[in-house]
Amino acid sequence: MTQVASEHLGESLGTDFFSVREQFTDEQWSHFITVRQFVNEEVVPVVGAYWERAEICWPLIRRLPELGIVGEDIKGYGCAGMSPMACGLVTMELHRGDGSLGVALGVHAGLAMQSVAMLGSEEQKERWLPAMATMDKIGAFALTEPDHGSDSVALETSARRDGDSWVLNGHKRWIGFGSLADLVIVWARNTEDGKVGAFVVEKGSPGYQAEVIEGKVSLRSVWQADIVLDNVRVPEENRLPGARSFKDTGKVLAATRSTCAWAALGHATSAYDTALRYARQRRQFGEPLASFQVIQQRLVSMLADLTAMQLYCLQIGAWPRRGG
């Protein structure tokens, strides 16, 4: 029999060949170990089925507040208040288990919550962040448009002042949780001065239409949406006052971009762990695959790249995350 059981292939193995563990504080290590155990014991055994069904893994998402990791480095309001390094380690581990789960937290906490924390008033923070920290309210971040992906500064969604409200019109695309979020941070251009601002559209707002994008190959367990904003009326108290231009949008993006590197490290770690475990277990020509030099060379090359990624991310984690 050469068939290898797959249930343990995604579980973590030792990859700390430069002894980076010695650089972690107790706070960072505690978050890392908590999430690693969660991923090994709860995520890896079940997440494949959610991917197959393209279904949101709500039981796993609902566990995130219990792990004390929602809210990233935001202080107060019931948020996690983690150090930048701990935020990175948490991101890495979640993506090691499942990219969809990592993106779900990144959209909710890294983009939506950070927008409120960095650009919202104190009243807005008190109103929204505690419920978002417990995930009783889910957040989304609506910046990308059908005609403006990476060129997001060219966004065309408009915001027109009308008395004590703003009227939003436009389209957004690839918006994670856009079809189900309780709070959607919509970025739109003021029709009077052309400046980009942020508006919190709450669930059930008339004129807000969202449709889940189907047929995805990757990140199948987190839903992205096409959004149409048709004269959506947003009260002035739902405009984030700190968002006065696209530079402020950039501050939120800059504060969360390091998570992309940590996420890539998580995927690379999983790829290496899975390949090594499989090569040790799979037998061909009477020997484990790992006994053949060509396989050993490939594993060593993977480990070299992985170790370099670890060192890059450690440097990133040593810097403050917030934009200036």
C-alpha atoms as a PDB file:
ATOM      1  CA  MET A   1       0.000   0.000   0.000  1.00  0.00           C
ATOM      2  CA  THR A   2       1.418   3.374  -1.044  1.00  0.00           C
ATOM      3  CA  GLN A   3      -1.692   5.469  -0.427  1.00  0.00           C
ATOM      4  CA  VAL A   4      -1.066   8.188   2.183  1.00  0.00           C
ATOM      5  CA  ALA A   5      -3.806   9.263   4.580  1.00  0.00           C
ATOM      6  CA  SER A   6      -4.473  12.978   4.097  1.00  0.00           C
ATOM      7  CA  GLU A   7      -6.003  13.963   7.428  1.00  0.00           C
ATOM      8  CA  HIS A   8      -2.691  15.057   9.005  1.00  0.00           C
ATOM      9  CA  LEU A   9      -0.918  16.455   5.954  1.00  0.00           C
ATOM     10  CA  GLY A  10      -1.649  20.088   6.787  1.00  0.00           C
ATOM     11  CA  GLU A  11      -0.542  19.941  10.410  1.00  0.00           C
ATOM     12  CA  SER A  12       2.503  21.934  11.451  1.00  0.00           C
ATOM     13  CA  LEU A  13       6.045  20.617  11.633  1.00  0.00           C
ATOM     14  CA  GLY A  14       9.201  22.317  12.908  1.00  0.00           C
ATOM     15  CA  THR A  15      10.463  25.016  10.544  1.00  0.00           C
ATOM     16  CA  ASP A  16      12.388  27.277  12.947  1.00  0.00           C
ATOM     17  CA  PHE A  17      15.912  26.589  11.688  1.00  0.00           C
ATOM     18  CA  PHE A  18      17.232  30.053  12.608  1.00  0.00           C
ATOM     19  CA  SER A  19      15.881  29.912  16.189  1.00  0.00           C
ATOM     20  CA  VAL A  20      13.610  32.906  15.683  1.00  0.00           C
ATOM     21  CA  ARG A  21      11.485  31.661  18.589  1.00  0.00           C
ATOM     22  CA  GLU A  22      14.026  33.237  20.935  1.00  0.00           C
ATOM     23  CA  GLN A  23      13.049  36.694  19.666  1.00  0.00           C
ATOM     24  CA  PHE A  24       9.374  36.414  20.623  1.00  0.00           C
ATOM     25  CA  THR A  25       7.951  37.968  23.776  1.00  0.00           C
ATOM     26  CA  ASP A  26       5.564  36.015  25.987  1.00  0.00           C
ATOM     27  CA  GLU A  27       2.632  37.924  24.471  1.00  0.00           C
ATOM     28  CA  GLN A  28       3.665  37.084  20.925  1.00  0.00           C
ATOM     29  CA  TRP A  29       4.368  33.441  21.710  1.00  0.00           C
ATOM     30  CA  SER A  30       1.080  33.023  23.552  1.00  0.00           C
ATOM     31  CA  HIS A  31      -0.964  34.262  20.583  1.00  0.00           C
ATOM     32  CA  PHE A  32       1.109  32.159  18.197  1.00  0.00           C
ATOM     33  CA  ILE A  33       0.673  28.925  20.164  1.00  0.00           C
ATOM     34  CA  THR A  34      -3.048  29.542  20.726  1.00  0.00           C
ATOM     35  CA  VAL A  35      -3.704  29.983  17.015  1.00  0.00           C
ATOM     36  CA  ARG A  36      -1.359  27.165  15.974  1.00  0.00           C
ATOM     37  CA  GLN A  37      -3.252  24.740  18.204  1.00  0.00           C
ATOM     38  CA  PHE A  38      -6.571  26.026  16.856  1.00  0.00           C
ATOM     39  CA  VAL A  39      -5.421  25.553  13.258  1.00  0.00           C
ATOM     40  CA  ASN A  40      -4.021  22.061  13.848  1.00  0.00           C
ATOM     41  CA  GLU A  41      -6.922  20.739  15.882  1.00  0.00           C
ATOM     42  CA  GLU A  42      -9.957  22.581  14.530  1.00  0.00           C
ATOM     43  CA  VAL A  43      -9.207  24.072  11.112  1.00  0.00           C
ATOM     44  CA  VAL A  44      -7.121  21.495   9.229  1.00  0.00           C
ATOM     45  CA  PRO A  45      -9.464  18.532   9.869  1.00  0.00           C
ATOM     46  CA  VAL A  46     -12.590  20.241   8.480  1.00  0.00           C
ATOM     47  CA  VAL A  47     -11.729  23.177   6.260  1.00  0.00           C
ATOM     48  CA  GLY A  48     -11.344  21.191   3.036  1.00  0.00           C
ATOM     49  CA  ALA A  49     -15.042  20.395   2.971  1.00  0.00           C
ATOM     50  CA  TYR A  50     -15.924  24.094   3.254  1.00  0.00           C
ATOM     51  CA  TRP A  51     -13.663  24.781   0.265  1.00  0.00           C
ATOM     52  CA  GLU A  52     -15.350  22.046  -1.761  1.00  0.00           C
ATOM     53  CA  ARG A  53     -18.784  23.491  -1.021  1.00  0.00           C
ATOM     54  CA  ALA A  54     -17.655  27.134  -1.387  1.00  0.00           C
ATOM     55  CA  GLU A  55     -19.284  27.671   2.006  1.00  0.00           C
ATOM     56  CA  ILE A  56     -18.290  30.199   4.663  1.00  0.00           C
ATOM     57  CA  CYS A  57     -16.786  28.378   7.643  1.00  0.00           C
ATOM     58  CA  TRP A  58     -18.922  30.131  10.249  1.00  0.00           C
ATOM     59  CA  PRO A  59     -18.125  27.726  13.127  1.00  0.00           C
ATOM     60  CA  LEU A  60     -14.420  28.541  12.708  1.00  0.00           C
ATOM     61  CA  ILE A  61     -14.990  32.271  12.211  1.00  0.00           C
ATOM     62  CA  ARG A  62     -17.118  32.419  15.362  1.00  0.00           C
ATOM     63  CA  ARG A  63     -14.201  30.939  17.313  1.00  0.00           C
ATOM     64  CA  LEU A  64     -11.893  33.856  16.486  1.00  0.00           C
ATOM     65  CA  PRO A  65     -13.197  36.239  19.189  1.00  0.00           C
ATOM     66  CA  GLU A  66     -12.833  33.434  21.728  1.00  0.00           C
ATOM     67  CA  LEU A  67      -9.159  33.192  20.801  1.00  0.00           C
ATOM     68  CA  GLY A  68      -8.689  36.881  21.633  1.00  0.00           C
ATOM     69  CA  ILE A  69      -7.345  37.873  18.214  1.00  0.00           C
ATOM     70  CA  VAL A  70     -10.062  40.095  16.709  1.00  0.00           C
ATOM     71  CA  GLY A  71      -9.164  43.761  16.460  1.00  0.00           C
ATOM     72  CA  GLU A  72      -5.464  43.252  15.772  1.00  0.00           C
ATOM     73  CA  ASP A  73      -3.433  46.108  17.364  1.00  0.00           C
ATOM     74  CA  ILE A  74      -6.417  48.319  18.228  1.00  0.00           C
ATOM     75  CA  LYS A  75      -6.320  49.309  21.898  1.00  0.00           C
ATOM     76  CA  GLY A  76      -9.519  49.331  23.933  1.00  0.00           C
ATOM     77  CA  TYR A  77     -13.135  48.801  22.822  1.00  0.00           C
ATOM     78  CA  GLY A  78     -12.776  45.068  23.560  1.00  0.00           C
ATOM     79  CA  CYS A  79     -10.213  44.661  20.765  1.00  0.00           C
ATOM     80  CA  ALA A  80      -7.233  42.326  20.876  1.00  0.00           C
ATOM     81  CA  GLY A  81      -4.609  45.082  21.181  1.00  0.00           C
ATOM     82  CA  MET A  82      -1.833  42.786  19.977  1.00  0.00           C
ATOM     83  CA  SER A  83       1.696  43.849  19.143  1.00  0.00           C
ATOM     84  CA  PRO A  84       2.580  44.112  15.421  1.00  0.00           C
ATOM     85  CA  MET A  85       4.602  40.892  15.642  1.00  0.00           C
ATOM     86  CA  ALA A  86       1.720  39.005  17.255  1.00  0.00           C
ATOM     87  CA  CYS A  87      -0.630  40.304  14.547  1.00  0.00           C
ATOM     88  CA  GLY A  88       1.738  38.897  11.940  1.00  0.00           C
ATOM     89  CA  LEU A  89       2.081  35.532  13.637  1.00  0.00           C
ATOM     90  CA  VAL A  90      -1.692  35.206  13.955  1.00  0.00           C
ATOM     91  CA  THR A  91      -2.113  36.055  10.260  1.00  0.00           C
ATOM     92  CA  MET A  92       0.561  33.540   9.294  1.00  0.00           C
ATOM     93  CA  GLU A  93      -1.022  30.723  11.280  1.00  0.00           C
ATOM     94  CA  LEU A  94      -4.567  31.338  10.042  1.00  0.00           C
ATOM     95  CA  HIS A  95      -3.370  31.321   6.439  1.00  0.00           C
ATOM     96  CA  ARG A  96      -1.373  28.198   7.121  1.00  0.00           C
ATOM     97  CA  GLY A  97      -4.663  26.528   7.923  1.00  0.00           C
ATOM     98  CA  ASP A  98      -6.864  28.184   5.305  1.00  0.00           C
ATOM     99  CA  GLY A  99      -6.496  31.323   3.225  1.00  0.00           C
ATOM    100  CA  SER A 100     -10.233  31.985   3.333  1.00  0.00           C
ATOM    101  CA  LEU A 101     -10.212  32.066   7.129  1.00  0.00           C
ATOM    102  CA  GLY A 102      -7.250  34.429   7.165  1.00  0.00           C
ATOM    103  CA  VAL A 103      -8.877  36.724   4.609  1.00  0.00           C
ATOM    104  CA  ALA A 104     -12.139  36.708   6.567  1.00  0.00           C
ATOM    105  CA  LEU A 105     -10.345  38.093   9.610  1.00  0.00           C
ATOM    106  CA  GLY A 106      -8.273  40.443   7.480  1.00  0.00           C
ATOM    107  CA  VAL A 107     -11.328  41.988   5.831  1.00  0.00           C
ATOM    108  CA  HIS A 108     -13.278  42.329   9.060  1.00  0.00           C
ATOM    109  CA  ALA A 109     -10.549  43.355  11.500  1.00  0.00           C
ATOM    110  CA  GLY A 110      -7.689  44.498   9.298  1.00  0.00           C
ATOM    111  CA  LEU A 111      -9.670  46.722   6.937  1.00  0.00           C
ATOM    112  CA  ALA A 112     -13.145  47.490   8.296  1.00  0.00           C
ATOM    113  CA  MET A 113     -12.225  47.795  11.980  1.00  0.00           C
ATOM    114  CA  GLN A 114      -8.985  49.633  11.241  1.00  0.00           C
ATOM    115  CA  SER A 115     -10.894  52.144   9.111  1.00  0.00           C
ATOM    116  CA  VAL A 116     -13.136  52.954  12.062  1.00  0.00           C
ATOM    117  CA  ALA A 117     -10.234  52.952  14.534  1.00  0.00           C
ATOM    118  CA  MET A 118      -7.958  55.162  12.426  1.00  0.00           C
ATOM    119  CA  LEU A 119     -10.464  57.509  10.799  1.00  0.00           C
ATOM    120  CA  GLY A 120     -13.601  57.410  12.942  1.00  0.00           C
ATOM    121  CA  SER A 121     -14.707  59.735  15.714  1.00  0.00           C
ATOM    122  CA  GLU A 122     -14.685  58.625  19.325  1.00  0.00           C
ATOM    123  CA  GLU A 123     -18.463  58.251  19.198  1.00  0.00           C
ATOM    124  CA  GLN A 124     -18.191  56.021  16.118  1.00  0.00           C
ATOM    125  CA  LYS A 125     -15.519  53.865  17.735  1.00  0.00           C
ATOM    126  CA  GLU A 126     -17.673  53.393  20.822  1.00  0.00           C
ATOM    127  CA  ARG A 127     -20.699  52.646  18.662  1.00  0.00           C
ATOM    128  CA  TRP A 128     -19.183  50.028  16.360  1.00  0.00           C
ATOM    129  CA  LEU A 129     -15.863  48.581  17.537  1.00  0.00           C
ATOM    130  CA  PRO A 130     -17.050  46.620  20.625  1.00  0.00           C
ATOM    131  CA  ALA A 131     -19.638  44.683  18.602  1.00  0.00           C
ATOM    132  CA  MET A 132     -17.101  44.137  15.830  1.00  0.00           C
ATOM    133  CA  ALA A 133     -14.539  42.853  18.335  1.00  0.00           C
ATOM    134  CA  THR A 134     -16.971  40.115  19.377  1.00  0.00           C
ATOM    135  CA  MET A 135     -18.036  39.674  15.734  1.00  0.00           C
ATOM    136  CA  ASP A 136     -21.633  40.307  16.659  1.00  0.00           C
ATOM    137  CA  LYS A 137     -21.343  42.779  13.798  1.00  0.00           C
ATOM    138  CA  ILE A 138     -19.388  41.842  10.659  1.00  0.00           C
ATOM    139  CA  GLY A 139     -17.531  44.507   8.699  1.00  0.00           C
ATOM    140  CA  ALA A 140     -16.586  44.894   5.040  1.00  0.00           C
ATOM    141  CA  PHE A 141     -14.344  47.304   3.109  1.00  0.00           C
ATOM    142  CA  ALA A 142     -15.688  48.490  -0.262  1.00  0.00           C
ATOM    143  CA  LEU A 143     -12.935  50.164  -2.266  1.00  0.00           C
ATOM    144  CA  THR A 144     -12.356  48.122  -5.457  1.00  0.00           C
ATOM    145  CA  GLU A 145     -14.572  48.833  -8.471  1.00  0.00           C
ATOM    146  CA  PRO A 146     -15.237  46.889 -11.699  1.00  0.00           C
ATOM    147  CA  ASP A 147     -13.124  49.340 -13.743  1.00  0.00           C
ATOM    148  CA  HIS A 148     -10.620  50.190 -11.007  1.00  0.00           C
ATOM    149  CA  GLY A 149      -8.834  47.307  -9.298  1.00  0.00           C
ATOM    150  CA  SER A 150      -5.294  48.164  -8.234  1.00  0.00           C
ATOM    151  CA  ASP A 151      -5.902  51.658  -9.669  1.00  0.00           C
ATOM    152  CA  SER A 152      -8.277  52.301  -6.817  1.00  0.00           C
ATOM    153  CA  VAL A 153      -7.403  55.999  -6.568  1.00  0.00           C
ATOM    154  CA  ALA A 154      -9.435  56.445  -9.765  1.00  0.00           C
ATOM    155  CA  LEU A 155     -12.645  55.256  -8.097  1.00  0.00           C
ATOM    156  CA  GLU A 156     -15.863  56.657  -9.553  1.00  0.00           C
ATOM    157  CA  THR A 157     -18.424  55.925  -6.830  1.00  0.00           C
ATOM    158  CA  SER A 158     -19.901  59.291  -5.884  1.00  0.00           C
ATOM    159  CA  ALA A 159     -21.066  60.866  -2.638  1.00  0.00           C
ATOM    160  CA  ARG A 160     -23.399  63.861  -2.871  1.00  0.00           C
ATOM    161  CA  ARG A 161     -24.306  65.920   0.189  1.00  0.00           C
ATOM    162  CA  ASP A 162     -28.061  66.293   0.680  1.00  0.00           C
ATOM    163  CA  GLY A 163     -28.955  68.070   3.925  1.00  0.00           C
ATOM    164  CA  ASP A 164     -27.915  65.944   6.882  1.00  0.00           C
ATOM    165  CA  SER A 165     -27.215  62.926   4.661  1.00  0.00           C
ATOM    166  CA  TRP A 166     -25.007  61.743   1.842  1.00  0.00           C
ATOM    167  CA  VAL A 167     -26.305  59.992  -1.275  1.00  0.00           C
ATOM    168  CA  LEU A 168     -24.018  57.295  -2.690  1.00  0.00           C
ATOM    169  CA  ASN A 169     -24.089  55.989  -6.263  1.00  0.00           C
ATOM    170  CA  GLY A 170     -21.732  53.580  -7.993  1.00  0.00           C
ATOM    171  CA  HIS A 171     -20.424  50.022  -8.227  1.00  0.00           C
ATOM    172  CA  LYS A 172     -17.972  47.983  -6.177  1.00  0.00           C
ATOM    173  CA  ARG A 173     -16.546  44.543  -6.975  1.00  0.00           C
ATOM    174  CA  TRP A 174     -14.652  41.760  -5.167  1.00  0.00           C
ATOM    175  CA  ILE A 175     -15.809  43.020  -1.775  1.00  0.00           C
ATOM    176  CA  GLY A 176     -15.284  40.379   0.905  1.00  0.00           C
ATOM    177  CA  PHE A 177     -18.392  39.897   3.077  1.00  0.00           C
ATOM    178  CA  GLY A 178     -20.102  42.595   0.985  1.00  0.00           C
ATOM    179  CA  SER A 179     -23.264  40.528   0.686  1.00  0.00           C
ATOM    180  CA  LEU A 180     -23.765  39.926   4.392  1.00  0.00           C
ATOM    181  CA  ALA A 181     -21.851  42.514   6.418  1.00  0.00           C
ATOM    182  CA  ASP A 182     -23.577  44.604   9.056  1.00  0.00           C
ATOM    183  CA  LEU A 183     -21.262  47.544   8.333  1.00  0.00           C
ATOM    184  CA  VAL A 184     -19.707  48.282   4.937  1.00  0.00           C
ATOM    185  CA  ILE A 185     -17.019  50.968   4.700  1.00  0.00           C
ATOM    186  CA  VAL A 186     -17.762  52.474   1.280  1.00  0.00           C
ATOM    187  CA  TRP A 187     -15.157  54.733  -0.292  1.00  0.00           C
ATOM    188  CA  ALA A 188     -16.667  57.382  -2.543  1.00  0.00           C
ATOM    189  CA  ARG A 189     -15.712  60.656  -4.214  1.00  0.00           C
ATOM    190  CA  ASN A 190     -17.341  63.882  -3.035  1.00  0.00           C
ATOM    191  CA  THR A 191     -19.136  65.455  -6.000  1.00  0.00           C
ATOM    192  CA  GLU A 192     -18.312  68.964  -4.754  1.00  0.00           C
ATOM    193  CA  ASP A 193     -14.542  68.860  -4.258  1.00  0.00           C
ATOM    194  CA  GLY A 194     -13.535  65.500  -5.787  1.00  0.00           C
ATOM    195  CA  LYS A 195     -12.010  64.286  -2.501  1.00  0.00           C
ATOM    196  CA  VAL A 196     -12.390  60.635  -1.462  1.00  0.00           C
ATOM    197  CA  GLY A 197     -14.218  59.920   1.790  1.00  0.00           C
ATOM    198  CA  ALA A 198     -15.430  56.905   3.767  1.00  0.00           C
ATOM    199  CA  PHE A 199     -19.057  56.210   4.603  1.00  0.00           C
ATOM    200  CA  VAL A 200     -20.443  53.442   6.810  1.00  0.00           C
ATOM    201  CA  VAL A 201     -23.398  51.809   5.078  1.00  0.00           C
ATOM    202  CA  GLU A 202     -25.379  49.739   7.551  1.00  0.00           C
ATOM    203  CA  LYS A 203     -27.172  46.505   6.707  1.00  0.00           C
ATOM    204  CA  GLY A 204     -30.608  46.961   5.209  1.00  0.00           C
ATOM    205  CA  SER A 205     -29.957  50.408   3.737  1.00  0.00           C
ATOM    206  CA  PRO A 206     -32.329  51.002   0.779  1.00  0.00           C
ATOM    207  CA  GLY A 207     -30.568  51.013  -2.589  1.00  0.00           C
ATOM    208  CA  TYR A 208     -27.709  48.774  -1.473  1.00  0.00           C
ATOM    209  CA  GLN A 209     -27.630  45.639  -3.622  1.00  0.00           C
ATOM    210  CA  ALA A 210     -24.991  42.910  -3.342  1.00  0.00           C
ATOM    211  CA  GLU A 211     -24.596  39.658  -5.230  1.00  0.00           C
ATOM    212  CA  VAL A 212     -22.096  36.926  -4.369  1.00  0.00           C
ATOM    213  CA  ILE A 213     -19.497  36.241  -7.078  1.00  0.00           C
ATOM    214  CA  GLU A 214     -19.668  32.533  -7.877  1.00  0.00           C
ATOM    215  CA  GLY A 215     -17.306  30.104  -9.589  1.00  0.00           C
ATOM    216  CA  LYS A 216     -14.139  31.148  -7.783  1.00  0.00           C
ATOM    217  CA  VAL A 217     -11.138  28.803  -7.707  1.00  0.00           C
ATOM    218  CA  SER A 218      -9.340  30.286  -4.715  1.00  0.00           C
ATOM    219  CA  LEU A 219     -10.559  31.626  -1.362  1.00  0.00           C
ATOM    220  CA  ARG A 220     -13.766  29.732  -1.944  1.00  0.00           C
ATOM    221  CA  SER A 221     -14.778  29.800   1.723  1.00  0.00           C
ATOM    222  CA  VAL A 222     -15.018  33.570   1.909  1.00  0.00           C
ATOM    223  CA  TRP A 223     -17.582  35.280  -0.292  1.00  0.00           C
ATOM    224  CA  GLN A 224     -16.807  38.343  -2.404  1.00  0.00           C
ATOM    225  CA  ALA A 225     -19.602  40.433  -3.839  1.00  0.00           C
ATOM    226  CA  ASP A 226     -20.577  42.696  -6.685  1.00  0.00           C
ATOM    227  CA  ILE A 227     -22.233  45.754  -5.155  1.00  0.00           C
ATOM    228  CA  VAL A 228     -24.540  48.332  -6.708  1.00  0.00           C
ATOM    229  CA  LEU A 229     -25.172  51.573  -4.810  1.00  0.00           C
ATOM    230  CA  ASP A 230     -28.335  53.186  -6.104  1.00  0.00           C
ATOM    231  CA  ASN A 231     -29.060  56.427  -4.249  1.00  0.00           C
ATOM    232  CA  VAL A 232     -28.010  54.886  -0.928  1.00  0.00           C
ATOM    233  CA  ARG A 233     -28.640  57.464   1.766  1.00  0.00           C
ATOM    234  CA  VAL A 234     -26.071  57.610   4.579  1.00  0.00           C
ATOM    235  CA  PRO A 235     -26.502  59.942   7.585  1.00  0.00           C
ATOM    236  CA  GLU A 236     -23.736  62.435   8.307  1.00  0.00           C
ATOM    237  CA  GLU A 237     -22.956  60.623  11.576  1.00  0.00           C
ATOM    238  CA  ASN A 238     -21.939  57.600   9.486  1.00  0.00           C
ATOM    239  CA  ARG A 239     -19.256  59.504   7.586  1.00  0.00           C
ATOM    240  CA  LEU A 240     -15.778  58.835   8.967  1.00  0.00           C
ATOM    241  CA  PRO A 241     -14.430  62.342   9.683  1.00  0.00           C
ATOM    242  CA  GLY A 242     -10.778  61.318   9.435  1.00  0.00           C
ATOM    243  CA  ALA A 243     -11.198  60.272   5.784  1.00  0.00           C
ATOM    244  CA  ARG A 244     -10.623  63.564   3.962  1.00  0.00           C
ATOM    245  CA  SER A 245      -8.757  62.349   0.853  1.00  0.00           C
ATOM    246  CA  PHE A 246      -7.350  59.222  -0.756  1.00  0.00           C
ATOM    247  CA  LYS A 247      -4.227  59.737   1.361  1.00  0.00           C
ATOM    248  CA  ASP A 248      -6.312  58.627   4.330  1.00  0.00           C
ATOM    249  CA  THR A 249      -7.443  55.560   2.399  1.00  0.00           C
ATOM    250  CA  GLY A 250      -3.761  54.873   1.840  1.00  0.00           C
ATOM    251  CA  LYS A 251      -3.081  55.063   5.564  1.00  0.00           C
ATOM    252  CA  VAL A 252      -5.485  52.194   6.214  1.00  0.00           C
ATOM    253  CA  LEU A 253      -4.025  50.169   3.345  1.00  0.00           C
ATOM    254  CA  ALA A 254      -0.446  50.850   4.463  1.00  0.00           C
ATOM    255  CA  ALA A 255      -1.275  49.786   8.013  1.00  0.00           C
ATOM    256  CA  THR A 256      -2.575  46.428   6.787  1.00  0.00           C
ATOM    257  CA  ARG A 257      -0.223  45.597   3.888  1.00  0.00           C
ATOM    258  CA  SER A 258       2.266  43.752   6.093  1.00  0.00           C
ATOM    259  CA  THR A 259      -0.379  41.082   6.616  1.00  0.00           C
ATOM    260  CA  CYS A 260      -0.045  40.151   2.936  1.00  0.00           C
ATOM    261  CA  ALA A 261       3.573  39.136   3.542  1.00  0.00           C
ATOM    262  CA  TRP A 262       2.648  37.180   6.682  1.00  0.00           C
ATOM    263  CA  ALA A 263      -0.199  35.493   4.789  1.00  0.00           C
ATOM    264  CA  ALA A 264       2.195  34.391   2.046  1.00  0.00           C
ATOM    265  CA  LEU A 265       4.500  33.002   4.722  1.00  0.00           C
ATOM    266  CA  GLY A 266       1.604  31.017   6.157  1.00  0.00           C
ATOM    267  CA  HIS A 267       0.825  29.469   2.778  1.00  0.00           C
ATOM    268  CA  ALA A 268       4.493  28.680   2.171  1.00  0.00           C
ATOM    269  CA  THR A 269       4.802  27.058   5.593  1.00  0.00           C
ATOM    270  CA  SER A 270       1.800  24.857   4.897  1.00  0.00           C
ATOM    271  CA  ALA A 271       3.176  23.887   1.490  1.00  0.00           C
ATOM    272  CA  TYR A 272       6.506  22.863   3.004  1.00  0.00           C
ATOM    273  CA  ASP A 273       4.986  21.033   5.969  1.00  0.00           C
ATOM    274  CA  THR A 274       2.611  19.135   3.691  1.00  0.00           C
ATOM    275  CA  ALA A 275       5.312  18.245   1.162  1.00  0.00           C
ATOM    276  CA  LEU A 276       7.723  17.038   3.842  1.00  0.00           C
ATOM    277  CA  ARG A 277       5.138  14.972   5.680  1.00  0.00           C
ATOM    278  CA  TYR A 278       3.939  13.420   2.412  1.00  0.00           C
ATOM    279  CA  ALA A 279       7.494  12.675   1.253  1.00  0.00           C
ATOM    280  CA  ARG A 280       8.198  10.883   4.523  1.00  0.00           C
ATOM    281  CA  GLN A 281       5.039   8.790   4.369  1.00  0.00           C
ATOM    282  CA  ARG A 282       4.724   8.012   0.668  1.00  0.00           C
ATOM    283  CA  ARG A 283       6.726   4.962  -0.403  1.00  0.00           C
ATOM    284  CA  GLN A 284       7.894   4.218  -3.943  1.00  0.00           C
ATOM    285  CA  PHE A 285      10.339   1.554  -5.104  1.00  0.00           C
ATOM    286  CA  GLY A 286      10.353   0.255  -1.544  1.00  0.00           C
ATOM    287  CA  GLU A 287      11.572   3.516   0.009  1.00  0.00           C
ATOM    288  CA  PRO A 288      10.018   6.754   1.317  1.00  0.00           C
ATOM    289  CA  LEU A 289      10.109   9.538  -1.246  1.00  0.00           C
ATOM    290  CA  ALA A 290      12.168  11.582   1.200  1.00  0.00           C
ATOM    291  CA  SER A 291      15.056   9.114   0.853  1.00  0.00           C
ATOM    292  CA  PHE A 292      15.697  10.127  -2.773  1.00  0.00           C
ATOM    293  CA  GLN A 293      18.169  12.945  -3.339  1.00  0.00           C
ATOM    294  CA  VAL A 294      16.107  14.744  -5.961  1.00  0.00           C
ATOM    295  CA  ILE A 295      13.230  15.044  -3.452  1.00  0.00           C
ATOM    296  CA  GLN A 296      15.632  16.111  -0.705  1.00  0.00           C
ATOM    297  CA  GLN A 297      17.024  18.856  -2.956  1.00  0.00           C
ATOM    298  CA  ARG A 298      13.539  20.198  -3.636  1.00  0.00           C
ATOM    299  CA  LEU A 299      12.615  20.169   0.033  1.00  0.00           C
ATOM    300  CA  VAL A 300      15.829  21.980   0.956  1.00  0.00           C
ATOM    301  CA  SER A 301      15.123  24.617  -1.695  1.00  0.00           C
ATOM    302  CA  MET A 302      11.628  25.105  -0.283  1.00  0.00           C
ATOM    303  CA  LEU A 303      13.014  25.404   3.244  1.00  0.00           C
ATOM    304  CA  ALA A 304      15.621  27.952   2.161  1.00  0.00           C
ATOM    305  CA  ASP A 305      12.929  30.149   0.627  1.00  0.00           C
ATOM    306  CA  LEU A 306      10.694  29.662   3.655  1.00  0.00           C
ATOM    307  CA  THR A 307      13.461  30.666   6.063  1.00  0.00           C
ATOM    308  CA  ALA A 308      14.185  33.800   4.030  1.00  0.00           C
ATOM    309  CA  MET A 309      10.489  34.687   4.183  1.00  0.00           C
ATOM    310  CA  GLN A 310      10.512  34.214   7.953  1.00  0.00           C
ATOM    311  CA  LEU A 311      13.392  36.657   8.348  1.00  0.00           C
ATOM    312  CA  TYR A 312      11.738  39.228   6.085  1.00  0.00           C
ATOM    313  CA  CYS A 313       8.513  39.014   8.064  1.00  0.00           C
ATOM    314  CA  LEU A 314      10.337  39.303  11.371  1.00  0.00           C
ATOM    315  CA  GLN A 315      11.805  42.586  10.192  1.00  0.00           C
ATOM    316  CA  ILE A 316       8.366  43.796   9.104  1.00  0.00           C
ATOM    317  CA  GLY A 317       6.885  42.748  12.448  1.00  0.00           C
ATOM    318  CA  ALA A 318       9.484  44.794  14.312  1.00  0.00           C
ATOM    319  CA  TRP A 319       8.130  48.029  12.769  1.00  0.00           C
ATOM    320  CA  PRO A 320       4.949  49.896  13.751  1.00  0.00           C
ATOM    321  CA  ARG A 321       1.973  48.943  11.574  1.00  0.00           C
ATOM    322  CA  ARG A 322       0.032  52.181  11.439  1.00  0.00           C
ATOM    323  CA  GLY A 323       0.366  54.608   8.585  1.00  0.00           C
ATOM    324  CA  GLY A 324       1.708  58.074   9.341  1.00  0.00           C
END
